[in-house]
C-alpha atoms as a PDB file:
ATOM      1  CA  UNK A   1      -6.186  42.299 -10.435  1.00  0.00           C
ATOM      2  CA  UNK A   2      -9.751  42.874  -8.881  1.00  0.00           C
ATOM      3  CA  UNK A   3      -9.971  44.243  -5.546  1.00  0.00           C
ATOM      4  CA  UNK A   4     -10.525  41.193  -2.922  1.00  0.00           C
ATOM      5  CA  UNK A   5      -9.728  40.107   0.787  1.00  0.00           C
ATOM      6  CA  UNK A   6      -7.216  37.522   1.734  1.00  0.00           C
ATOM      7  CA  UNK A   7      -8.019  35.738   5.225  1.00  0.00           C
ATOM      8  CA  UNK A   8      -4.587  34.409   6.410  1.00  0.00           C
ATOM      9  CA  UNK A   9      -4.386  32.089   9.091  1.00  0.00           C
ATOM     10  CA  UNK A  10      -0.874  32.206  10.779  1.00  0.00           C
ATOM     11  CA  UNK A  11       0.968  30.961  13.891  1.00  0.00           C
ATOM     12  CA  UNK A  12      -0.283  34.254  15.653  1.00  0.00           C
ATOM     13  CA  UNK A  13      -3.933  34.668  14.854  1.00  0.00           C
ATOM     14  CA  UNK A  14      -6.017  35.659  11.592  1.00  0.00           C
ATOM     15  CA  UNK A  15      -4.447  38.366   9.276  1.00  0.00           C
ATOM     16  CA  UNK A  16      -6.947  40.124   7.085  1.00  0.00           C
ATOM     17  CA  UNK A  17      -5.209  41.790   4.015  1.00  0.00           C
ATOM     18  CA  UNK A  18      -6.679  43.577   1.294  1.00  0.00           C
ATOM     19  CA  UNK A  19      -5.703  42.925  -2.276  1.00  0.00           C
ATOM     20  CA  UNK A  20      -5.998  45.729  -5.496  1.00  0.00           C
ATOM     21  CA  UNK A  21      -3.525  45.029  -8.376  1.00  0.00           C
ATOM     22  CA  UNK A  22      -0.238  44.841  -7.238  1.00  0.00           C
ATOM     23  CA  UNK A  23      -1.203  46.540  -3.628  1.00  0.00           C
ATOM     24  CA  UNK A  24      -1.604  44.344  -0.806  1.00  0.00           C
ATOM     25  CA  UNK A  25      -2.177  46.124   2.785  1.00  0.00           C
ATOM     26  CA  UNK A  26      -2.651  44.652   5.835  1.00  0.00           C
ATOM     27  CA  UNK A  27      -6.166  45.561   6.949  1.00  0.00           C
ATOM     28  CA  UNK A  28      -6.591  43.542  10.497  1.00  0.00           C
ATOM     29  CA  UNK A  29      -4.946  41.532  12.704  1.00  0.00           C
ATOM     30  CA  UNK A  30      -6.787  39.498  15.334  1.00  0.00           C
ATOM     31  CA  UNK A  31      -7.035  36.589  17.668  1.00  0.00           C
ATOM     32  CA  UNK A  32      -3.098  37.023  18.559  1.00  0.00           C
ATOM     33  CA  UNK A  33      -1.719  34.109  20.336  1.00  0.00           C
ATOM     34  CA  UNK A  34      -3.584  31.231  18.437  1.00  0.00           C
ATOM     35  CA  UNK A  35      -2.636  29.328  15.666  1.00  0.00           C
ATOM     36  CA  UNK A  36      -5.012  29.199  12.973  1.00  0.00           C
ATOM     37  CA  UNK A  37      -5.826  26.118  11.163  1.00  0.00           C
ATOM     38  CA  UNK A  38      -9.132  26.608   9.506  1.00  0.00           C
ATOM     39  CA  UNK A  39     -11.079  29.573   7.941  1.00  0.00           C
ATOM     40  CA  UNK A  40     -14.797  29.111   6.309  1.00  0.00           C
ATOM     41  CA  UNK A  41     -15.988  32.525   4.952  1.00  0.00           C
ATOM     42  CA  UNK A  42     -19.900  32.694   4.423  1.00  0.00           C
ATOM     43  CA  UNK A  43     -20.658  32.177   0.959  1.00  0.00           C
ATOM     44  CA  UNK A  44     -22.939  35.135   0.577  1.00  0.00           C
ATOM     45  CA  UNK A  45     -21.618  37.262   2.941  1.00  0.00           C
ATOM     46  CA  UNK A  46     -17.499  37.769   3.182  1.00  0.00           C
ATOM     47  CA  UNK A  47     -17.631  39.798   6.436  1.00  0.00           C
ATOM     48  CA  UNK A  48     -18.423  36.614   8.379  1.00  0.00           C
ATOM     49  CA  UNK A  49     -15.740  34.347   8.725  1.00  0.00           C
ATOM     50  CA  UNK A  50     -15.556  31.401  10.825  1.00  0.00           C
ATOM     51  CA  UNK A  51     -12.084  30.814  12.352  1.00  0.00           C
ATOM     52  CA  UNK A  52     -10.767  27.286  13.567  1.00  0.00           C
ATOM     53  CA  UNK A  53      -7.941  27.643  16.420  1.00  0.00           C
ATOM     54  CA  UNK A  54      -5.533  24.691  17.635  1.00  0.00           C
ATOM     55  CA  UNK A  55      -2.505  23.130  18.670  1.00  0.00           C
ATOM     56  CA  UNK A  56      -1.253  26.365  19.823  1.00  0.00           C
ATOM     57  CA  UNK A  57      -4.207  27.989  20.466  1.00  0.00           C
ATOM     58  CA  UNK A  58      -7.721  26.689  21.066  1.00  0.00           C
ATOM     59  CA  UNK A  59     -11.664  26.675  19.829  1.00  0.00           C
ATOM     60  CA  UNK A  60     -13.607  28.272  17.463  1.00  0.00           C
ATOM     61  CA  UNK A  61     -14.206  31.707  16.808  1.00  0.00           C
ATOM     62  CA  UNK A  62     -16.365  33.925  14.464  1.00  0.00           C
ATOM     63  CA  UNK A  63     -16.330  37.797  13.002  1.00  0.00           C
ATOM     64  CA  UNK A  64     -19.026  39.535  11.514  1.00  0.00           C
ATOM     65  CA  UNK A  65     -16.728  42.457  10.748  1.00  0.00           C
ATOM     66  CA  UNK A  66     -14.139  41.144   8.734  1.00  0.00           C
ATOM     67  CA  UNK A  67     -11.689  40.675  11.318  1.00  0.00           C
ATOM     68  CA  UNK A  68     -12.343  43.523  13.178  1.00  0.00           C
ATOM     69  CA  UNK A  69     -13.766  41.789  16.351  1.00  0.00           C
ATOM     70  CA  UNK A  70     -14.273  38.629  17.274  1.00  0.00           C
ATOM     71  CA  UNK A  71     -16.481  36.120  19.549  1.00  0.00           C
ATOM     72  CA  UNK A  72     -15.697  32.776  20.742  1.00  0.00           C
ATOM     73  CA  UNK A  73     -18.394  30.117  19.119  1.00  0.00           C
ATOM     74  CA  UNK A  74     -16.871  27.287  21.635  1.00  0.00           C
ATOM     75  CA  UNK A  75     -14.552  24.473  21.935  1.00  0.00           C
ATOM     76  CA  UNK A  76     -12.496  26.248  24.246  1.00  0.00           C
ATOM     77  CA  UNK A  77     -11.017  22.868  25.369  1.00  0.00           C
ATOM     78  CA  UNK A  78     -10.092  21.405  22.134  1.00  0.00           C
ATOM     79  CA  UNK A  79      -8.402  22.106  19.115  1.00  0.00           C
ATOM     80  CA  UNK A  80     -10.351  22.855  16.009  1.00  0.00           C
ATOM     81  CA  UNK A  81      -8.564  21.700  12.982  1.00  0.00           C
ATOM     82  CA  UNK A  82     -11.047  22.655  10.183  1.00  0.00           C
ATOM     83  CA  UNK A  83     -14.511  24.330   9.605  1.00  0.00           C
ATOM     84  CA  UNK A  84     -16.413  24.425   6.112  1.00  0.00           C
ATOM     85  CA  UNK A  85     -19.798  25.762   5.499  1.00  0.00           C
ATOM     86  CA  UNK A  86     -22.263  23.646   3.720  1.00  0.00           C
ATOM     87  CA  UNK A  87     -22.528  23.792   0.340  1.00  0.00           C
ATOM     88  CA  UNK A  88     -26.448  24.283   0.202  1.00  0.00           C
ATOM     89  CA  UNK A  89     -27.158  25.871   3.371  1.00  0.00           C
ATOM     90  CA  UNK A  90     -25.645  28.930   4.550  1.00  0.00           C
ATOM     91  CA  UNK A  91     -26.376  28.211   8.005  1.00  0.00           C
ATOM     92  CA  UNK A  92     -24.990  24.935   9.059  1.00  0.00           C
ATOM     93  CA  UNK A  93     -21.088  24.312   9.137  1.00  0.00           C
ATOM     94  CA  UNK A  94     -19.067  21.167   9.635  1.00  0.00           C
ATOM     95  CA  UNK A  95     -16.099  21.100  11.751  1.00  0.00           C
ATOM     96  CA  UNK A  96     -13.100  18.586  12.791  1.00  0.00           C
ATOM     97  CA  UNK A  97     -11.331  18.699  16.528  1.00  0.00           C
ATOM     98  CA  UNK A  98      -8.684  16.886  18.300  1.00  0.00           C
ATOM     99  CA  UNK A  99      -9.720  14.865  20.312  1.00  0.00           C
ATOM    100  CA  UNK A 100     -10.742  13.499  16.940  1.00  0.00           C
ATOM    101  CA  UNK A 101     -14.534  14.284  16.538  1.00  0.00           C
ATOM    102  CA  UNK A 102     -16.723  15.859  13.859  1.00  0.00           C
ATOM    103  CA  UNK A 103     -19.334  18.269  14.502  1.00  0.00           C
ATOM    104  CA  UNK A 104     -22.132  20.184  12.499  1.00  0.00           C
ATOM    105  CA  UNK A 105     -24.248  23.014  13.702  1.00  0.00           C
ATOM    106  CA  UNK A 106     -27.702  23.980  11.542  1.00  0.00           C
ATOM    107  CA  UNK A 107     -27.966  27.515  13.373  1.00  0.00           C
ATOM    108  CA  UNK A 108     -24.996  28.973  12.684  1.00  0.00           C
ATOM    109  CA  UNK A 109     -22.742  27.997  15.779  1.00  0.00           C
ATOM    110  CA  UNK A 110     -25.638  28.359  18.603  1.00  0.00           C
ATOM    111  CA  UNK A 111     -25.393  24.749  18.910  1.00  0.00           C
ATOM    112  CA  UNK A 112     -23.514  21.578  17.433  1.00  0.00           C
ATOM    113  CA  UNK A 113     -24.306  17.883  17.329  1.00  0.00           C
ATOM    114  CA  UNK A 114     -21.125  15.434  17.645  1.00  0.00           C
ATOM    115  CA  UNK A 115     -21.094  12.566  15.425  1.00  0.00           C
ATOM    116  CA  UNK A 116     -20.267  10.247  18.646  1.00  0.00           C
ATOM    117  CA  UNK A 117     -20.499   6.941  16.281  1.00  0.00           C
ATOM    118  CA  UNK A 118     -17.108   8.117  14.835  1.00  0.00           C
ATOM    119  CA  UNK A 119     -15.388   6.913  17.955  1.00  0.00           C
ATOM    120  CA  UNK A 120     -16.965   2.861  17.087  1.00  0.00           C
ATOM    121  CA  UNK A 121     -14.997   2.711  13.666  1.00  0.00           C
ATOM    122  CA  UNK A 122     -12.304  -0.082  13.983  1.00  0.00           C
ATOM    123  CA  UNK A 123      -9.637   1.851  13.461  1.00  0.00           C
ATOM    124  CA  UNK A 124     -10.500   4.724  15.908  1.00  0.00           C
ATOM    125  CA  UNK A 125      -8.131   3.161  18.438  1.00  0.00           C
ATOM    126  CA  UNK A 126      -5.347   3.191  16.439  1.00  0.00           C
ATOM    127  CA  UNK A 127      -5.597   7.018  15.764  1.00  0.00           C
ATOM    128  CA  UNK A 128      -2.834   9.386  16.735  1.00  0.00           C
ATOM    129  CA  UNK A 129      -0.842  12.688  16.726  1.00  0.00           C
ATOM    130  CA  UNK A 130       2.299  13.198  17.666  1.00  0.00           C
ATOM    131  CA  UNK A 131       1.610  16.219  20.288  1.00  0.00           C
ATOM    132  CA  UNK A 132       0.584  16.468  23.848  1.00  0.00           C
ATOM    133  CA  UNK A 133      -1.848  16.609  25.311  1.00  0.00           C
ATOM    134  CA  UNK A 134      -4.161  14.603  23.448  1.00  0.00           C
ATOM    135  CA  UNK A 135      -1.687  12.565  21.407  1.00  0.00           C
ATOM    136  CA  UNK A 136      -5.121  11.422  19.568  1.00  0.00           C
ATOM    137  CA  UNK A 137      -5.399  12.039  15.691  1.00  0.00           C
ATOM    138  CA  UNK A 138      -7.667  15.072  14.527  1.00  0.00           C
ATOM    139  CA  UNK A 139     -10.313  15.446  12.215  1.00  0.00           C
ATOM    140  CA  UNK A 140      -9.579  18.120   9.122  1.00  0.00           C
ATOM    141  CA  UNK A 141      -9.571  18.065   5.113  1.00  0.00           C
ATOM    142  CA  UNK A 142     -13.933  18.113   5.243  1.00  0.00           C
ATOM    143  CA  UNK A 143     -15.255  18.005   1.642  1.00  0.00           C
ATOM    144  CA  UNK A 144     -19.262  18.142   0.787  1.00  0.00           C
ATOM    145  CA  UNK A 145     -19.958  18.013  -3.109  1.00  0.00           C
ATOM    146  CA  UNK A 146     -23.260  20.451  -3.400  1.00  0.00           C
ATOM    147  CA  UNK A 147     -25.040  18.094  -5.790  1.00  0.00           C
ATOM    148  CA  UNK A 148     -24.538  15.224  -3.262  1.00  0.00           C
ATOM    149  CA  UNK A 149     -24.924  16.990  -0.071  1.00  0.00           C
ATOM    150  CA  UNK A 150     -25.638  13.770   1.897  1.00  0.00           C
ATOM    151  CA  UNK A 151     -21.783  12.541   1.198  1.00  0.00           C
ATOM    152  CA  UNK A 152     -19.513  13.776   3.938  1.00  0.00           C
ATOM    153  CA  UNK A 153     -15.744  12.984   3.422  1.00  0.00           C
ATOM    154  CA  UNK A 154     -13.123  14.025   6.024  1.00  0.00           C
ATOM    155  CA  UNK A 155      -9.296  12.930   6.848  1.00  0.00           C
ATOM    156  CA  UNK A 156      -7.868  12.055  10.123  1.00  0.00           C
ATOM    157  CA  UNK A 157      -4.171  13.067  10.897  1.00  0.00           C
ATOM    158  CA  UNK A 158      -2.917  10.019  11.378  1.00  0.00           C
ATOM    159  CA  UNK A 159      -5.659   7.233  11.040  1.00  0.00           C
ATOM    160  CA  UNK A 160      -7.774   7.134   8.026  1.00  0.00           C
ATOM    161  CA  UNK A 161     -10.492   8.729   5.618  1.00  0.00           C
ATOM    162  CA  UNK A 162     -13.496   8.913   7.139  1.00  0.00           C
ATOM    163  CA  UNK A 163     -17.333   9.127   5.170  1.00  0.00           C
ATOM    164  CA  UNK A 164     -20.774   9.060   5.509  1.00  0.00           C
ATOM    165  CA  UNK A 165     -22.971   8.444   2.230  1.00  0.00           C
ATOM    166  CA  UNK A 166     -26.104   9.106   4.456  1.00  0.00           C
ATOM    167  CA  UNK A 167     -25.523  12.857   5.362  1.00  0.00           C
ATOM    168  CA  UNK A 168     -24.093  11.188   8.827  1.00  0.00           C
ATOM    169  CA  UNK A 169     -26.158   8.659  10.235  1.00  0.00           C
ATOM    170  CA  UNK A 170     -23.443   5.825   9.322  1.00  0.00           C
ATOM    171  CA  UNK A 171     -19.889   6.363   9.024  1.00  0.00           C
ATOM    172  CA  UNK A 172     -17.370   4.458   6.966  1.00  0.00           C
ATOM    173  CA  UNK A 173     -13.653   4.193   6.567  1.00  0.00           C
ATOM    174  CA  UNK A 174     -11.040   3.373   4.234  1.00  0.00           C
ATOM    175  CA  UNK A 175      -7.307   4.362   3.442  1.00  0.00           C
ATOM    176  CA  UNK A 176      -6.309   2.700   6.789  1.00  0.00           C
ATOM    177  CA  UNK A 177      -3.039   3.775   8.420  1.00  0.00           C
ATOM    178  CA  UNK A 178      -2.742   6.651   6.020  1.00  0.00           C
ATOM    179  CA  UNK A 179      -1.690  10.319   7.063  1.00  0.00           C
ATOM    180  CA  UNK A 180      -4.754  12.322   5.378  1.00  0.00           C
ATOM    181  CA  UNK A 181      -4.303  15.952   5.176  1.00  0.00           C
ATOM    182  CA  UNK A 182      -6.818  17.350   2.624  1.00  0.00           C
ATOM    183  CA  UNK A 183      -9.825  15.912   0.876  1.00  0.00           C
ATOM    184  CA  UNK A 184     -11.377  17.237  -2.124  1.00  0.00           C
ATOM    185  CA  UNK A 185     -13.973  16.289  -4.585  1.00  0.00           C
ATOM    186  CA  UNK A 186     -14.120  16.872  -8.316  1.00  0.00           C
ATOM    187  CA  UNK A 187     -16.803  19.788  -9.250  1.00  0.00           C
ATOM    188  CA  UNK A 188     -17.890  17.715 -12.593  1.00  0.00           C
ATOM    189  CA  UNK A 189     -18.166  14.414 -10.743  1.00  0.00           C
ATOM    190  CA  UNK A 190     -19.553  13.658  -7.116  1.00  0.00           C
ATOM    191  CA  UNK A 191     -18.120  10.137  -7.161  1.00  0.00           C
ATOM    192  CA  UNK A 192     -14.648  11.236  -7.806  1.00  0.00           C
ATOM    193  CA  UNK A 193     -12.783  12.039  -4.680  1.00  0.00           C
ATOM    194  CA  UNK A 194      -9.149  13.523  -4.309  1.00  0.00           C
ATOM    195  CA  UNK A 195      -7.144  12.657  -0.777  1.00  0.00           C
ATOM    196  CA  UNK A 196      -3.566  14.259  -0.535  1.00  0.00           C
ATOM    197  CA  UNK A 197      -1.605  12.607   2.229  1.00  0.00           C
ATOM    198  CA  UNK A 198       1.910  12.355   3.585  1.00  0.00           C
ATOM    199  CA  UNK A 199       2.864  10.152   0.558  1.00  0.00           C
ATOM    200  CA  UNK A 200       1.347  11.373  -2.322  1.00  0.00           C
ATOM    201  CA  UNK A 201      -2.061  11.868  -3.846  1.00  0.00           C
ATOM    202  CA  UNK A 202      -5.185   9.157  -4.363  1.00  0.00           C
ATOM    203  CA  UNK A 203      -7.970   9.294  -6.244  1.00  0.00           C
ATOM    204  CA  UNK A 204     -11.318   7.360  -5.927  1.00  0.00           C
ATOM    205  CA  UNK A 205     -13.335   6.947  -8.854  1.00  0.00           C
ATOM    206  CA  UNK A 206     -16.090   5.677  -6.704  1.00  0.00           C
ATOM    207  CA  UNK A 207     -17.049   7.712  -3.446  1.00  0.00           C
ATOM    208  CA  UNK A 208     -14.344   6.088  -1.832  1.00  0.00           C
ATOM    209  CA  UNK A 209     -14.865   2.422  -2.205  1.00  0.00           C
ATOM    210  CA  UNK A 210     -11.509   2.046  -4.067  1.00  0.00           C
ATOM    211  CA  UNK A 211      -8.465   4.402  -4.538  1.00  0.00           C
ATOM    212  CA  UNK A 212      -5.522   4.458  -6.958  1.00  0.00           C
ATOM    213  CA  UNK A 213      -2.057   6.700  -6.487  1.00  0.00           C
ATOM    214  CA  UNK A 214      -1.027   9.516  -8.726  1.00  0.00           C
ATOM    215  CA  UNK A 215       2.381   8.378 -10.026  1.00  0.00           C
ATOM    216  CA  UNK A 216       3.718  11.881 -10.824  1.00  0.00           C
ATOM    217  CA  UNK A 217       3.241  12.542  -6.906  1.00  0.00           C
ATOM    218  CA  UNK A 218       4.205   9.816  -5.054  1.00  0.00           C
ATOM    219  CA  UNK A 219       6.361  10.307  -2.115  1.00  0.00           C
ATOM    220  CA  UNK A 220       5.356  13.804  -1.935  1.00  0.00           C
ATOM    221  CA  UNK A 221       3.602  15.467   1.422  1.00  0.00           C
ATOM    222  CA  UNK A 222       0.678  16.725  -0.115  1.00  0.00           C
ATOM    223  CA  UNK A 223      -1.276  19.195   2.099  1.00  0.00           C
ATOM    224  CA  UNK A 224      -3.818  21.532  -0.342  1.00  0.00           C
ATOM    225  CA  UNK A 225      -5.926  20.781  -3.589  1.00  0.00           C
ATOM    226  CA  UNK A 226      -7.908  23.446  -5.046  1.00  0.00           C
ATOM    227  CA  UNK A 227     -10.026  22.944  -8.147  1.00  0.00           C
ATOM    228  CA  UNK A 228     -10.420  25.924 -10.534  1.00  0.00           C
ATOM    229  CA  UNK A 229     -14.331  26.242 -10.142  1.00  0.00           C
ATOM    230  CA  UNK A 230     -14.496  27.824 -13.983  1.00  0.00           C
ATOM    231  CA  UNK A 231     -12.509  24.900 -15.414  1.00  0.00           C
ATOM    232  CA  UNK A 232     -12.750  21.810 -13.394  1.00  0.00           C
ATOM    233  CA  UNK A 233     -10.323  19.885 -15.426  1.00  0.00           C
ATOM    234  CA  UNK A 234      -7.577  22.028 -14.178  1.00  0.00           C
ATOM    235  CA  UNK A 235      -6.287  21.396 -10.420  1.00  0.00           C
ATOM    236  CA  UNK A 236      -3.612  22.837  -8.269  1.00  0.00           C
ATOM    237  CA  UNK A 237      -1.977  21.657  -5.594  1.00  0.00           C
ATOM    238  CA  UNK A 238       0.680  22.103  -2.876  1.00  0.00           C
ATOM    239  CA  UNK A 239       3.224  19.693  -1.491  1.00  0.00           C
ATOM    240  CA  UNK A 240       5.990  20.233   1.124  1.00  0.00           C
ATOM    241  CA  UNK A 241       8.728  19.260  -1.567  1.00  0.00           C
ATOM    242  CA  UNK A 242      11.458  21.015  -3.333  1.00  0.00           C
ATOM    243  CA  UNK A 243      12.614  21.950  -5.581  1.00  0.00           C
ATOM    244  CA  UNK A 244       9.220  23.124  -6.457  1.00  0.00           C
ATOM    245  CA  UNK A 245       6.290  22.995  -3.895  1.00  0.00           C
ATOM    246  CA  UNK A 246       3.324  23.600  -6.498  1.00  0.00           C
ATOM    247  CA  UNK A 247       1.996  21.663  -8.659  1.00  0.00           C
ATOM    248  CA  UNK A 248      -0.928  22.286 -11.743  1.00  0.00           C
ATOM    249  CA  UNK A 249      -2.994  19.340 -13.451  1.00  0.00           C
ATOM    250  CA  UNK A 250      -4.674  20.507 -16.597  1.00  0.00           C
ATOM    251  CA  UNK A 251      -6.275  17.009 -16.967  1.00  0.00           C
ATOM    252  CA  UNK A 252      -8.465  16.359 -14.052  1.00  0.00           C
ATOM    253  CA  UNK A 253      -5.600  15.780 -11.557  1.00  0.00           C
ATOM    254  CA  UNK A 254      -4.115  12.824 -13.903  1.00  0.00           C
ATOM    255  CA  UNK A 255      -0.805  14.148 -14.729  1.00  0.00           C
ATOM    256  CA  UNK A 256       0.741  17.095 -12.924  1.00  0.00           C
ATOM    257  CA  UNK A 257       3.686  19.459 -13.685  1.00  0.00           C
ATOM    258  CA  UNK A 258       5.609  21.772 -11.219  1.00  0.00           C
ATOM    259  CA  UNK A 259       4.382  25.098 -11.232  1.00  0.00           C
ATOM    260  CA  UNK A 260       6.570  26.894  -8.419  1.00  0.00           C
ATOM    261  CA  UNK A 261      10.294  26.155  -8.866  1.00  0.00           C
ATOM    262  CA  UNK A 262      12.038  28.481  -6.441  1.00  0.00           C
ATOM    263  CA  UNK A 263       9.107  29.444  -4.029  1.00  0.00           C
ATOM    264  CA  UNK A 264       9.619  28.261  -0.707  1.00  0.00           C
ATOM    265  CA  UNK A 265       7.972  25.365   0.983  1.00  0.00           C
ATOM    266  CA  UNK A 266       5.864  25.902   3.768  1.00  0.00           C
ATOM    267  CA  UNK A 267       5.602  22.835   6.146  1.00  0.00           C
ATOM    268  CA  UNK A 268       2.105  20.933   6.486  1.00  0.00           C
ATOM    269  CA  UNK A 269       0.154  23.812   5.735  1.00  0.00           C
ATOM    270  CA  UNK A 270      -2.969  24.614   3.371  1.00  0.00           C
ATOM    271  CA  UNK A 271      -1.708  28.080   1.859  1.00  0.00           C
ATOM    272  CA  UNK A 272      -2.699  28.204  -1.642  1.00  0.00           C
ATOM    273  CA  UNK A 273      -5.865  29.248  -3.038  1.00  0.00           C
ATOM    274  CA  UNK A 274      -7.370  30.755  -5.927  1.00  0.00           C
ATOM    275  CA  UNK A 275      -8.998  34.952  -6.350  1.00  0.00           C
ATOM    276  CA  UNK A 276     -12.274  34.666  -5.750  1.00  0.00           C
ATOM    277  CA  UNK A 277     -13.509  35.732  -9.207  1.00  0.00           C
ATOM    278  CA  UNK A 278     -10.785  35.361 -11.213  1.00  0.00           C
ATOM    279  CA  UNK A 279      -9.331  31.605 -10.867  1.00  0.00           C
ATOM    280  CA  UNK A 280      -5.959  32.480 -12.939  1.00  0.00           C
ATOM    281  CA  UNK A 281      -4.745  34.477  -9.843  1.00  0.00           C
ATOM    282  CA  UNK A 282      -3.391  32.575  -7.409  1.00  0.00           C
ATOM    283  CA  UNK A 283      -2.131  33.316  -3.907  1.00  0.00           C
ATOM    284  CA  UNK A 284       0.441  31.226  -1.906  1.00  0.00           C
ATOM    285  CA  UNK A 285       2.363  31.765   1.348  1.00  0.00           C
ATOM    286  CA  UNK A 286       5.533  30.405   1.850  1.00  0.00           C
ATOM    287  CA  UNK A 287       8.278  29.996   5.065  1.00  0.00           C
ATOM    288  CA  UNK A 288      10.787  33.090   4.502  1.00  0.00           C
ATOM    289  CA  UNK A 289      12.967  34.516   7.213  1.00  0.00           C
ATOM    290  CA  UNK A 290      11.423  32.866  10.274  1.00  0.00           C
ATOM    291  CA  UNK A 291       8.082  33.993   9.041  1.00  0.00           C
ATOM    292  CA  UNK A 292       5.656  33.996   6.131  1.00  0.00           C
ATOM    293  CA  UNK A 293       5.992  35.705   2.595  1.00  0.00           C
ATOM    294  CA  UNK A 294       2.802  35.941   0.288  1.00  0.00           C
ATOM    295  CA  UNK A 295       3.546  35.436  -3.485  1.00  0.00           C
ATOM    296  CA  UNK A 296       0.621  36.080  -6.268  1.00  0.00           C
ATOM    297  CA  UNK A 297       0.600  34.766  -9.975  1.00  0.00           C
ATOM    298  CA  UNK A 298      -1.784  36.429 -12.803  1.00  0.00           C
ATOM    299  CA  UNK A 299      -1.377  33.520 -15.278  1.00  0.00           C
ATOM    300  CA  UNK A 300      -2.109  30.037 -13.518  1.00  0.00           C
ATOM    301  CA  UNK A 301       1.279  29.885 -11.498  1.00  0.00           C
ATOM    302  CA  UNK A 302       3.029  29.945 -14.543  1.00  0.00           C
ATOM    303  CA  UNK A 303       5.077  33.021 -12.865  1.00  0.00           C
ATOM    304  CA  UNK A 304       5.178  34.531  -9.573  1.00  0.00           C
ATOM    305  CA  UNK A 305       5.820  38.049  -7.498  1.00  0.00           C
ATOM    306  CA  UNK A 306       6.502  38.088  -4.403  1.00  0.00           C
ATOM    307  CA  UNK A 307       4.592  40.929  -2.576  1.00  0.00           C
ATOM    308  CA  UNK A 308       6.158  43.167   0.493  1.00  0.00           C
ATOM    309  CA  UNK A 309       3.709  41.912   2.968  1.00  0.00           C
ATOM    310  CA  UNK A 310       5.517  40.584   6.198  1.00  0.00           C
ATOM    311  CA  UNK A 311       3.183  37.711   7.802  1.00  0.00           C
ATOM    312  CA  UNK A 312       4.157  35.231  10.739  1.00  0.00           C
ATOM    313  CA  UNK A 313       4.361  31.786   9.704  1.00  0.00           C
ATOM    314  CA  UNK A 314       0.906  30.860   7.887  1.00  0.00           C
ATOM    315  CA  UNK A 315      -1.211  28.116   8.077  1.00  0.00           C
ATOM    316  CA  UNK A 316      -4.418  28.534   6.296  1.00  0.00           C
ATOM    317  CA  UNK A 317      -5.279  31.347   3.653  1.00  0.00           C
ATOM    318  CA  UNK A 318      -9.222  31.834   2.146  1.00  0.00           C
ATOM    319  CA  UNK A 319      -9.782  34.394  -0.433  1.00  0.00           C
ATOM    320  CA  UNK A 320     -12.979  36.531  -0.585  1.00  0.00           C
ATOM    321  CA  UNK A 321     -14.514  39.378  -2.570  1.00  0.00           C
ATOM    322  CA  UNK A 322     -13.873  42.648  -0.716  1.00  0.00           C
ATOM    323  CA  UNK A 323     -17.671  43.456   1.196  1.00  0.00           C
END
């Protein structure tokens, strides 16, 4: 296995793991006391990472040295549930918060623009989340296709899927009343949208106008979706379900097979990721012994090995080339 980094968002801050072959070591552990909800790794400079904290933590933070030090970028009075880089501009990021709002920065975090028209969507008064003090729902699962960057999709937990087809000038909603967790766009077809929610996986063939549920995953609590960048017909998925929390599709998400029999589940987490240069190598963090356990696979999920690293509860995980 080629040398890489894992940025692991936990219940107690961001851990940075160094992976080389079968060896995994803890390189750094920062932002302690914050639950990490989102991680965005700079596409060209893997030591630059934006970290979103919320529910048991606050704000957006940035490291430029792979987790050795952090600065607070903003949102100290909000829970930040997701942060992603624009696929065509590394100075532009999008983030979703609770209270529910979507923001954009075009200057690497110096200033942020809210898309306040989202508050005028008809279903907005019904958005909710169970936890005080906001009880307001949150926006996460942000997805943008590099060939159609004017299209922005995001999920509201709980409430709807919101989207814009004109770069944020106007906003629309669909899947009203759904418990949206993750949104992904087919790399080979920007019209094809996947949405994971509390009742399974839904697919739109027409950029959000219509949806169909995937029979293999009906009733499963879907919370993570990852396309293989070298073979977009292969898709991986995490669902909080037993006896297998992990699934793989080899036909573009139409049919699914379990690949994680016996692995522990991880509640509402997005904790499955692919190696940055070897997509058959997978990383997964499940709940074990009151914390998190890291598992690796080198064969697309057919077999798994537990590593000996000990983690707090894991909420998010992203991989990067080693700087």
